[in-house]
Amino acid sequence: MLLDSNILIYGAMAAHPVLDEILDRRDLAVASVTQIETLGYHLLSAIERGWLEAAFAQMTILPLADAVWPRQSN
């Protein structure tokens, strides 16, 4: 399952426990740009940043390539 930065940011917050089931899956992936976006979010607490870094260590990180953004030829 390919995740977006919003799901990760909200999932790191204690106020959104409903996302725990999704984030407990073992088949998670993110684009490298999503990882950068997520960790660059200016309102992350130190605890949330640590949680996200641990989560990224368990995920597949996809380089920004056709697997993430399939460009179409003109």
C-alpha atoms as a PDB file:
ATOM      1  CA  MET A   1       0.000   0.000   0.000  1.00  0.00           C
ATOM      2  CA  LEU A   2       1.474   3.336  -1.088  1.00  0.00           C
ATOM      3  CA  LEU A   3       0.989   6.041   1.559  1.00  0.00           C
ATOM      4  CA  ASP A   4       0.806   9.806   1.282  1.00  0.00           C
ATOM      5  CA  SER A   5       2.367  12.270   3.719  1.00  0.00           C
ATOM      6  CA  ASN A   6      -1.001  13.329   5.181  1.00  0.00           C
ATOM      7  CA  ILE A   7      -1.821   9.794   6.350  1.00  0.00           C
ATOM      8  CA  LEU A   8       1.613   9.489   7.938  1.00  0.00           C
ATOM      9  CA  ILE A   9       1.484  12.861   9.675  1.00  0.00           C
ATOM     10  CA  TYR A  10      -2.015  12.246  11.051  1.00  0.00           C
ATOM     11  CA  GLY A  11      -1.059   8.692  11.977  1.00  0.00           C
ATOM     12  CA  ALA A  12       1.817   9.938  14.099  1.00  0.00           C
ATOM     13  CA  MET A  13      -0.572  12.038  16.167  1.00  0.00           C
ATOM     14  CA  ALA A  14      -2.252  10.470  19.189  1.00  0.00           C
ATOM     15  CA  ALA A  15      -5.514  12.175  18.182  1.00  0.00           C
ATOM     16  CA  HIS A  16      -5.945   9.805  15.204  1.00  0.00           C
ATOM     17  CA  PRO A  17      -5.781   6.225  16.533  1.00  0.00           C
ATOM     18  CA  VAL A  18      -8.102   5.014  13.769  1.00  0.00           C
ATOM     19  CA  LEU A  19      -5.087   5.002  11.426  1.00  0.00           C
ATOM     20  CA  ASP A  20      -3.176   2.516  13.602  1.00  0.00           C
ATOM     21  CA  GLU A  21      -4.685  -0.463  11.773  1.00  0.00           C
ATOM     22  CA  ILE A  22      -3.450   0.817   8.414  1.00  0.00           C
ATOM     23  CA  LEU A  23      -0.021   1.734   9.722  1.00  0.00           C
ATOM     24  CA  ASP A  24       0.428  -1.700  11.337  1.00  0.00           C
ATOM     25  CA  ARG A  25       0.424  -3.369   7.918  1.00  0.00           C
ATOM     26  CA  ARG A  26       3.660  -4.900   6.653  1.00  0.00           C
ATOM     27  CA  ASP A  27       3.165  -4.026   2.965  1.00  0.00           C
ATOM     28  CA  LEU A  28       3.581  -0.261   3.259  1.00  0.00           C
ATOM     29  CA  ALA A  29       5.570   1.892   0.875  1.00  0.00           C
ATOM     30  CA  VAL A  30       6.210   5.580   0.386  1.00  0.00           C
ATOM     31  CA  ALA A  31       7.787   7.631  -2.349  1.00  0.00           C
ATOM     32  CA  SER A  32      11.084   9.191  -1.345  1.00  0.00           C
ATOM     33  CA  VAL A  33       9.516  12.615  -1.820  1.00  0.00           C
ATOM     34  CA  THR A  34       6.752  11.646   0.642  1.00  0.00           C
ATOM     35  CA  GLN A  35       9.375  10.770   3.237  1.00  0.00           C
ATOM     36  CA  ILE A  36      11.019  14.174   2.745  1.00  0.00           C
ATOM     37  CA  GLU A  37       7.658  15.983   2.906  1.00  0.00           C
ATOM     38  CA  THR A  38       6.583  14.136   6.033  1.00  0.00           C
ATOM     39  CA  LEU A  39       9.778  14.634   8.012  1.00  0.00           C
ATOM     40  CA  GLY A  40       9.853  18.284   6.929  1.00  0.00           C
ATOM     41  CA  TYR A  41       6.424  19.025   8.379  1.00  0.00           C
ATOM     42  CA  HIS A  42       7.006  22.008  10.664  1.00  0.00           C
ATOM     43  CA  LEU A  43       4.530  21.042  13.423  1.00  0.00           C
ATOM     44  CA  LEU A  44       5.982  17.589  14.252  1.00  0.00           C
ATOM     45  CA  SER A  45       6.897  17.030  17.877  1.00  0.00           C
ATOM     46  CA  ALA A  46      10.079  15.145  18.733  1.00  0.00           C
ATOM     47  CA  ILE A  47       7.977  12.104  19.665  1.00  0.00           C
ATOM     48  CA  GLU A  48       6.077  12.199  16.352  1.00  0.00           C
ATOM     49  CA  ARG A  49       9.340  12.583  14.403  1.00  0.00           C
ATOM     50  CA  GLY A  50      10.806   9.571  16.218  1.00  0.00           C
ATOM     51  CA  TRP A  51       7.687   7.523  15.503  1.00  0.00           C
ATOM     52  CA  LEU A  52       7.836   8.474  11.822  1.00  0.00           C
ATOM     53  CA  GLU A  53      11.536   7.665  11.509  1.00  0.00           C
ATOM     54  CA  ALA A  54      10.885   4.227  13.035  1.00  0.00           C
ATOM     55  CA  ALA A  55       7.927   3.709  10.691  1.00  0.00           C
ATOM     56  CA  PHE A  56      10.006   4.645   7.627  1.00  0.00           C
ATOM     57  CA  ALA A  57      12.650   2.125   8.686  1.00  0.00           C
ATOM     58  CA  GLN A  58      10.005  -0.602   8.306  1.00  0.00           C
ATOM     59  CA  MET A  59       8.628   0.606   4.937  1.00  0.00           C
ATOM     60  CA  THR A  60       9.750   0.291   1.368  1.00  0.00           C
ATOM     61  CA  ILE A  61      11.020   3.676   0.175  1.00  0.00           C
ATOM     62  CA  LEU A  62      10.472   4.078  -3.566  1.00  0.00           C
ATOM     63  CA  PRO A  63      12.703   6.414  -5.540  1.00  0.00           C
ATOM     64  CA  LEU A  64      10.855   9.034  -7.536  1.00  0.00           C
ATOM     65  CA  ALA A  65      10.650   7.137 -10.788  1.00  0.00           C
ATOM     66  CA  ASP A  66       8.060   5.555 -13.025  1.00  0.00           C
ATOM     67  CA  ALA A  67       6.962   3.264 -10.176  1.00  0.00           C
ATOM     68  CA  VAL A  68       5.732   6.357  -8.335  1.00  0.00           C
ATOM     69  CA  TRP A  69       5.020   8.887 -11.069  1.00  0.00           C
ATOM     70  CA  PRO A  70       4.413   7.267 -14.442  1.00  0.00           C
ATOM     71  CA  ARG A  71       5.053  10.062 -16.918  1.00  0.00           C
ATOM     72  CA  GLN A  72       3.281   9.807 -20.221  1.00  0.00           C
ATOM     73  CA  SER A  73       5.021  10.442 -23.515  1.00  0.00           C
ATOM     74  CA  ASN A  74       3.621  13.234 -25.633  1.00  0.00           C
END
